ModelCIF file with pLDDT and N, C-alpha, C, O atoms, coordinates in Angstrom:
data_MODEL
#
_entry.id   MODEL 
#
_entity.id                         1 
_entity.type                       polymer 
_entity.pdbx_number_of_molecules   1 
#
_entity_poly.entity_id                      1 
_entity_poly.type                           'polypeptide(L)' 
_entity_poly.nstd_linkage                   no 
_entity_poly.nstd_monomer                   no 
_entity_poly.pdbx_seq_one_letter_code       VECDGEDHEAERAVAFIQAIRARGVESAGA 
_entity_poly.pdbx_seq_one_letter_code_can   VECDGEDHEAERAVAFIQAIRARGVESAGA 
_entity_poly.pdbx_strand_id                 A 
#
loop_
_entity_poly_seq.entity_id 
_entity_poly_seq.num 
_entity_poly_seq.mon_id 
_entity_poly_seq.hetero 
1 1  VAL n 
1 2  GLU n 
1 3  CYS n 
1 4  ASP n 
1 5  GLY n 
1 6  GLU n 
1 7  ASP n 
1 8  HIS n 
1 9  GLU n 
1 10 ALA n 
1 11 GLU n 
1 12 ARG n 
1 13 ALA n 
1 14 VAL n 
1 15 ALA n 
1 16 PHE n 
1 17 ILE n 
1 18 GLN n 
1 19 ALA n 
1 20 ILE n 
1 21 ARG n 
1 22 ALA n 
1 23 ARG n 
1 24 GLY n 
1 25 VAL n 
1 26 GLU n 
1 27 SER n 
1 28 ALA n 
1 29 GLY n 
1 30 ALA n 
#
_struct_asym.id          A 
_struct_asym.entity_id   1 
#
loop_
_ma_qa_metric.id 
_ma_qa_metric.mode 
_ma_qa_metric.name 
_ma_qa_metric.software_group_id 
_ma_qa_metric.type 
1 global pLDDT . pLDDT 
2 local  pLDDT . pLDDT 
#
_ma_qa_metric_global.metric_id      1 
_ma_qa_metric_global.metric_value   81.57 
_ma_qa_metric_global.model_id       1 
_ma_qa_metric_global.ordinal_id     1 
#
loop_
_ma_qa_metric_local.label_asym_id 
_ma_qa_metric_local.label_comp_id 
_ma_qa_metric_local.label_seq_id 
_ma_qa_metric_local.metric_id 
_ma_qa_metric_local.metric_value 
_ma_qa_metric_local.model_id 
_ma_qa_metric_local.ordinal_id 
A VAL 1  2 91.00 1 1  
A GLU 2  2 92.00 1 2  
A CYS 3  2 93.00 1 3  
A ASP 4  2 90.00 1 4  
A GLY 5  2 89.00 1 5  
A GLU 6  2 91.00 1 6  
A ASP 7  2 90.00 1 7  
A HIS 8  2 93.00 1 8  
A GLU 9  2 94.00 1 9  
A ALA 10 2 93.00 1 10 
A GLU 11 2 93.00 1 11 
A ARG 12 2 93.00 1 12 
A ALA 13 2 94.00 1 13 
A VAL 14 2 94.00 1 14 
A ALA 15 2 92.00 1 15 
A PHE 16 2 93.00 1 16 
A ILE 17 2 93.00 1 17 
A GLN 18 2 91.00 1 18 
A ALA 19 2 90.00 1 19 
A ILE 20 2 91.00 1 20 
A ARG 21 2 88.00 1 21 
A ALA 22 2 84.00 1 22 
A ARG 23 2 80.00 1 23 
A GLY 24 2 69.00 1 24 
A VAL 25 2 54.00 1 25 
A GLU 26 2 49.00 1 26 
A SER 27 2 50.00 1 27 
A ALA 28 2 44.00 1 28 
A GLY 29 2 45.00 1 29 
A ALA 30 2 44.00 1 30 
#
loop_
_atom_site.group_PDB 
_atom_site.id 
_atom_site.type_symbol 
_atom_site.label_atom_id 
_atom_site.label_alt_id 
_atom_site.label_comp_id 
_atom_site.label_asym_id 
_atom_site.label_entity_id 
_atom_site.label_seq_id 
_atom_site.pdbx_PDB_ins_code 
_atom_site.Cartn_x 
_atom_site.Cartn_y 
_atom_site.Cartn_z 
_atom_site.occupancy 
_atom_site.B_iso_or_equiv 
_atom_site.pdbx_formal_charge 
_atom_site.auth_seq_id 
_atom_site.auth_comp_id 
_atom_site.auth_asym_id 
_atom_site.auth_atom_id 
_atom_site.pdbx_PDB_model_num 
ATOM 1   N N  . VAL A 1 1  ? -9.831  5.342  3.595  1.00 91.00 ? 1  VAL A N  1 
ATOM 2   C CA . VAL A 1 1  ? -9.601  4.972  2.161  1.00 91.00 ? 1  VAL A CA 1 
ATOM 3   C C  . VAL A 1 1  ? -10.894 4.797  1.616  1.00 91.00 ? 1  VAL A C  1 
ATOM 4   O O  . VAL A 1 1  ? -11.569 3.832  1.976  1.00 91.00 ? 1  VAL A O  1 
ATOM 5   N N  . GLU A 1 2  ? -11.387 5.741  0.663  1.00 92.00 ? 2  GLU A N  1 
ATOM 6   C CA . GLU A 1 2  ? -12.631 5.592  -0.036 1.00 92.00 ? 2  GLU A CA 1 
ATOM 7   C C  . GLU A 1 2  ? -12.377 4.878  -1.416 1.00 92.00 ? 2  GLU A C  1 
ATOM 8   O O  . GLU A 1 2  ? -11.517 5.234  -2.222 1.00 92.00 ? 2  GLU A O  1 
ATOM 9   N N  . CYS A 1 3  ? -13.184 3.893  -1.566 1.00 93.00 ? 3  CYS A N  1 
ATOM 10  C CA . CYS A 1 3  ? -13.015 2.961  -2.815 1.00 93.00 ? 3  CYS A CA 1 
ATOM 11  C C  . CYS A 1 3  ? -14.186 2.943  -3.691 1.00 93.00 ? 3  CYS A C  1 
ATOM 12  O O  . CYS A 1 3  ? -15.304 3.000  -3.179 1.00 93.00 ? 3  CYS A O  1 
ATOM 13  N N  . ASP A 1 4  ? -14.050 2.871  -4.923 1.00 90.00 ? 4  ASP A N  1 
ATOM 14  C CA . ASP A 1 4  ? -15.075 2.701  -5.934 1.00 90.00 ? 4  ASP A CA 1 
ATOM 15  C C  . ASP A 1 4  ? -15.858 1.461  -5.831 1.00 90.00 ? 4  ASP A C  1 
ATOM 16  O O  . ASP A 1 4  ? -17.055 1.485  -6.115 1.00 90.00 ? 4  ASP A O  1 
ATOM 17  N N  . GLY A 1 5  ? -15.268 0.357  -5.440 1.00 89.00 ? 5  GLY A N  1 
ATOM 18  C CA . GLY A 1 5  ? -15.910 -0.969 -5.341 1.00 89.00 ? 5  GLY A CA 1 
ATOM 19  C C  . GLY A 1 5  ? -14.984 -2.075 -4.794 1.00 89.00 ? 5  GLY A C  1 
ATOM 20  O O  . GLY A 1 5  ? -13.846 -1.744 -4.463 1.00 89.00 ? 5  GLY A O  1 
ATOM 21  N N  . GLU A 1 6  ? -15.343 -3.269 -4.678 1.00 91.00 ? 6  GLU A N  1 
ATOM 22  C CA . GLU A 1 6  ? -14.587 -4.272 -4.066 1.00 91.00 ? 6  GLU A CA 1 
ATOM 23  C C  . GLU A 1 6  ? -13.174 -4.465 -4.731 1.00 91.00 ? 6  GLU A C  1 
ATOM 24  O O  . GLU A 1 6  ? -12.166 -4.621 -4.041 1.00 91.00 ? 6  GLU A O  1 
ATOM 25  N N  . ASP A 1 7  ? -13.151 -4.447 -6.119 1.00 90.00 ? 7  ASP A N  1 
ATOM 26  C CA . ASP A 1 7  ? -11.932 -4.605 -6.765 1.00 90.00 ? 7  ASP A CA 1 
ATOM 27  C C  . ASP A 1 7  ? -10.893 -3.398 -6.296 1.00 90.00 ? 7  ASP A C  1 
ATOM 28  O O  . ASP A 1 7  ? -9.753  -3.567 -5.864 1.00 90.00 ? 7  ASP A O  1 
ATOM 29  N N  . HIS A 1 8  ? -11.524 -2.241 -6.475 1.00 93.00 ? 8  HIS A N  1 
ATOM 30  C CA . HIS A 1 8  ? -10.635 -1.090 -6.069 1.00 93.00 ? 8  HIS A CA 1 
ATOM 31  C C  . HIS A 1 8  ? -10.165 -1.107 -4.651 1.00 93.00 ? 8  HIS A C  1 
ATOM 32  O O  . HIS A 1 8  ? -9.014  -0.784 -4.357 1.00 93.00 ? 8  HIS A O  1 
ATOM 33  N N  . GLU A 1 9  ? -11.041 -1.477 -3.786 1.00 94.00 ? 9  GLU A N  1 
ATOM 34  C CA . GLU A 1 9  ? -10.682 -1.616 -2.423 1.00 94.00 ? 9  GLU A CA 1 
ATOM 35  C C  . GLU A 1 9  ? -9.469  -2.589 -2.202 1.00 94.00 ? 9  GLU A C  1 
ATOM 36  O O  . GLU A 1 9  ? -8.524  -2.254 -1.486 1.00 94.00 ? 9  GLU A O  1 
ATOM 37  N N  . ALA A 1 10 ? -9.525  -3.846 -2.860 1.00 93.00 ? 10 ALA A N  1 
ATOM 38  C CA . ALA A 1 10 ? -8.381  -4.782 -2.727 1.00 93.00 ? 10 ALA A CA 1 
ATOM 39  C C  . ALA A 1 10 ? -7.130  -4.293 -3.334 1.00 93.00 ? 10 ALA A C  1 
ATOM 40  O O  . ALA A 1 10 ? -6.055  -4.586 -2.812 1.00 93.00 ? 10 ALA A O  1 
ATOM 41  N N  . GLU A 1 11 ? -7.195  -3.503 -4.492 1.00 93.00 ? 11 GLU A N  1 
ATOM 42  C CA . GLU A 1 11 ? -6.135  -2.873 -5.060 1.00 93.00 ? 11 GLU A CA 1 
ATOM 43  C C  . GLU A 1 11 ? -5.456  -1.881 -4.193 1.00 93.00 ? 11 GLU A C  1 
ATOM 44  O O  . GLU A 1 11 ? -4.230  -1.823 -4.095 1.00 93.00 ? 11 GLU A O  1 
ATOM 45  N N  . ARG A 1 12 ? -6.292  -1.091 -3.556 1.00 93.00 ? 12 ARG A N  1 
ATOM 46  C CA . ARG A 1 12 ? -5.782  -0.102 -2.553 1.00 93.00 ? 12 ARG A CA 1 
ATOM 47  C C  . ARG A 1 12 ? -5.042  -0.696 -1.335 1.00 93.00 ? 12 ARG A C  1 
ATOM 48  O O  . ARG A 1 12 ? -4.005  -0.231 -0.862 1.00 93.00 ? 12 ARG A O  1 
ATOM 49  N N  . ALA A 1 13 ? -5.688  -1.757 -0.899 1.00 94.00 ? 13 ALA A N  1 
ATOM 50  C CA . ALA A 1 13 ? -5.040  -2.540 0.164  1.00 94.00 ? 13 ALA A CA 1 
ATOM 51  C C  . ALA A 1 13 ? -3.704  -3.104 -0.170 1.00 94.00 ? 13 ALA A C  1 
ATOM 52  O O  . ALA A 1 13 ? -2.782  -3.077 0.646  1.00 94.00 ? 13 ALA A O  1 
ATOM 53  N N  . VAL A 1 14 ? -3.583  -3.641 -1.424 1.00 94.00 ? 14 VAL A N  1 
ATOM 54  C CA . VAL A 1 14 ? -2.279  -4.126 -1.938 1.00 94.00 ? 14 VAL A CA 1 
ATOM 55  C C  . VAL A 1 14 ? -1.353  -2.929 -1.917 1.00 94.00 ? 14 VAL A C  1 
ATOM 56  O O  . VAL A 1 14 ? -0.211  -3.029 -1.469 1.00 94.00 ? 14 VAL A O  1 
ATOM 57  N N  . ALA A 1 15 ? -1.804  -1.881 -2.363 1.00 92.00 ? 15 ALA A N  1 
ATOM 58  C CA . ALA A 1 15 ? -0.810  -0.589 -2.508 1.00 92.00 ? 15 ALA A CA 1 
ATOM 59  C C  . ALA A 1 15 ? -0.400  -0.179 -1.119 1.00 92.00 ? 15 ALA A C  1 
ATOM 60  O O  . ALA A 1 15 ? 0.758   0.140  -0.847 1.00 92.00 ? 15 ALA A O  1 
ATOM 61  N N  . PHE A 1 16 ? -1.427  -0.198 -0.212 1.00 93.00 ? 16 PHE A N  1 
ATOM 62  C CA . PHE A 1 16 ? -1.035  0.152  1.196  1.00 93.00 ? 16 PHE A CA 1 
ATOM 63  C C  . PHE A 1 16 ? 0.073   -0.701 1.755  1.00 93.00 ? 16 PHE A C  1 
ATOM 64  O O  . PHE A 1 16 ? 0.931   -0.197 2.480  1.00 93.00 ? 16 PHE A O  1 
ATOM 65  N N  . ILE A 1 17 ? 0.081   -2.002 1.433  1.00 93.00 ? 17 ILE A N  1 
ATOM 66  C CA . ILE A 1 17 ? 0.967   -2.983 1.897  1.00 93.00 ? 17 ILE A CA 1 
ATOM 67  C C  . ILE A 1 17 ? 2.277   -2.585 1.203  1.00 93.00 ? 17 ILE A C  1 
ATOM 68  O O  . ILE A 1 17 ? 3.281   -2.475 1.907  1.00 93.00 ? 17 ILE A O  1 
ATOM 69  N N  . GLN A 1 18 ? 2.356   -2.350 -0.173 1.00 91.00 ? 18 GLN A N  1 
ATOM 70  C CA . GLN A 1 18 ? 3.538   -2.134 -0.869 1.00 91.00 ? 18 GLN A CA 1 
ATOM 71  C C  . GLN A 1 18 ? 4.130   -0.877 -0.407 1.00 91.00 ? 18 GLN A C  1 
ATOM 72  O O  . GLN A 1 18 ? 5.351   -0.857 -0.255 1.00 91.00 ? 18 GLN A O  1 
ATOM 73  N N  . ALA A 1 19 ? 3.402   0.237  -0.146 1.00 90.00 ? 19 ALA A N  1 
ATOM 74  C CA . ALA A 1 19 ? 3.867   1.555  0.173  1.00 90.00 ? 19 ALA A CA 1 
ATOM 75  C C  . ALA A 1 19 ? 4.520   1.302  1.555  1.00 90.00 ? 19 ALA A C  1 
ATOM 76  O O  . ALA A 1 19 ? 5.652   1.762  1.700  1.00 90.00 ? 19 ALA A O  1 
ATOM 77  N N  . ILE A 1 20 ? 4.030   0.719  2.456  1.00 91.00 ? 20 ILE A N  1 
ATOM 78  C CA . ILE A 1 20 ? 4.627   0.694  3.813  1.00 91.00 ? 20 ILE A CA 1 
ATOM 79  C C  . ILE A 1 20 ? 5.893   -0.180 3.675  1.00 91.00 ? 20 ILE A C  1 
ATOM 80  O O  . ILE A 1 20 ? 6.902   0.177  4.285  1.00 91.00 ? 20 ILE A O  1 
ATOM 81  N N  . ARG A 1 21 ? 5.915   -1.250 2.951  1.00 88.00 ? 21 ARG A N  1 
ATOM 82  C CA . ARG A 1 21 ? 7.008   -2.025 2.733  1.00 88.00 ? 21 ARG A CA 1 
ATOM 83  C C  . ARG A 1 21 ? 8.093   -1.212 2.036  1.00 88.00 ? 21 ARG A C  1 
ATOM 84  O O  . ARG A 1 21 ? 9.241   -1.290 2.471  1.00 88.00 ? 21 ARG A O  1 
ATOM 85  N N  . ALA A 1 22 ? 7.853   -0.531 1.115  1.00 84.00 ? 22 ALA A N  1 
ATOM 86  C CA . ALA A 1 22 ? 8.765   0.326  0.422  1.00 84.00 ? 22 ALA A CA 1 
ATOM 87  C C  . ALA A 1 22 ? 9.416   1.346  1.338  1.00 84.00 ? 22 ALA A C  1 
ATOM 88  O O  . ALA A 1 22 ? 10.626  1.573  1.338  1.00 84.00 ? 22 ALA A O  1 
ATOM 89  N N  . ARG A 1 23 ? 8.536   1.935  2.109  1.00 80.00 ? 23 ARG A N  1 
ATOM 90  C CA . ARG A 1 23 ? 9.005   2.915  3.248  1.00 80.00 ? 23 ARG A CA 1 
ATOM 91  C C  . ARG A 1 23 ? 9.918   2.298  4.067  1.00 80.00 ? 23 ARG A C  1 
ATOM 92  O O  . ARG A 1 23 ? 11.012  2.838  4.237  1.00 80.00 ? 23 ARG A O  1 
ATOM 93  N N  . GLY A 1 24 ? 9.602   1.060  4.705  1.00 69.00 ? 24 GLY A N  1 
ATOM 94  C CA . GLY A 1 24 ? 10.514  0.285  5.475  1.00 69.00 ? 24 GLY A CA 1 
ATOM 95  C C  . GLY A 1 24 ? 11.827  -0.033 4.937  1.00 69.00 ? 24 GLY A C  1 
ATOM 96  O O  . GLY A 1 24 ? 12.844  0.011  5.630  1.00 69.00 ? 24 GLY A O  1 
ATOM 97  N N  . VAL A 1 25 ? 11.812  -0.385 3.583  1.00 54.00 ? 25 VAL A N  1 
ATOM 98  C CA . VAL A 1 25 ? 13.075  -0.677 2.939  1.00 54.00 ? 25 VAL A CA 1 
ATOM 99  C C  . VAL A 1 25 ? 13.939  0.528  2.846  1.00 54.00 ? 25 VAL A C  1 
ATOM 100 O O  . VAL A 1 25 ? 15.140  0.415  3.088  1.00 54.00 ? 25 VAL A O  1 
ATOM 101 N N  . GLU A 1 26 ? 13.385  1.757  2.491  1.00 49.00 ? 26 GLU A N  1 
ATOM 102 C CA . GLU A 1 26 ? 13.979  3.060  2.461  1.00 49.00 ? 26 GLU A CA 1 
ATOM 103 C C  . GLU A 1 26 ? 14.520  3.294  3.712  1.00 49.00 ? 26 GLU A C  1 
ATOM 104 O O  . GLU A 1 26 ? 15.707  3.616  3.779  1.00 49.00 ? 26 GLU A O  1 
ATOM 105 N N  . SER A 1 27 ? 13.730  3.168  4.899  1.00 50.00 ? 27 SER A N  1 
ATOM 106 C CA . SER A 1 27 ? 14.126  3.405  6.201  1.00 50.00 ? 27 SER A CA 1 
ATOM 107 C C  . SER A 1 27 ? 15.304  2.414  6.619  1.00 50.00 ? 27 SER A C  1 
ATOM 108 O O  . SER A 1 27 ? 16.272  2.854  7.239  1.00 50.00 ? 27 SER A O  1 
ATOM 109 N N  . ALA A 1 28 ? 15.218  1.226  6.309  1.00 44.00 ? 28 ALA A N  1 
ATOM 110 C CA . ALA A 1 28 ? 16.319  0.339  6.667  1.00 44.00 ? 28 ALA A CA 1 
ATOM 111 C C  . ALA A 1 28 ? 17.509  0.646  5.970  1.00 44.00 ? 28 ALA A C  1 
ATOM 112 O O  . ALA A 1 28 ? 18.588  0.451  6.529  1.00 44.00 ? 28 ALA A O  1 
ATOM 113 N N  . GLY A 1 29 ? 17.449  1.160  4.676  1.00 45.00 ? 29 GLY A N  1 
ATOM 114 C CA . GLY A 1 29 ? 18.646  1.547  3.959  1.00 45.00 ? 29 GLY A CA 1 
ATOM 115 C C  . GLY A 1 29 ? 19.321  2.641  4.573  1.00 45.00 ? 29 GLY A C  1 
ATOM 116 O O  . GLY A 1 29 ? 20.547  2.656  4.682  1.00 45.00 ? 29 GLY A O  1 
ATOM 117 N N  . ALA A 1 30 ? 18.481  3.682  5.034  1.00 44.00 ? 30 ALA A N  1 
ATOM 118 C CA . ALA A 1 30 ? 19.095  4.877  5.597  1.00 44.00 ? 30 ALA A CA 1 
ATOM 119 C C  . ALA A 1 30 ? 19.690  4.630  7.036  1.00 44.00 ? 30 ALA A C  1 
ATOM 120 O O  . ALA A 1 30 ? 20.242  5.549  7.642  1.00 44.00 ? 30 ALA A O  1 
#
């Protein structure tokens, strides 16, 4: 994950968590 700076890095880490959580919810639903 290539980031512009510390703020961007933290935002992408949050997005990483949200994406895997969303995928988990989708998987659990299916």
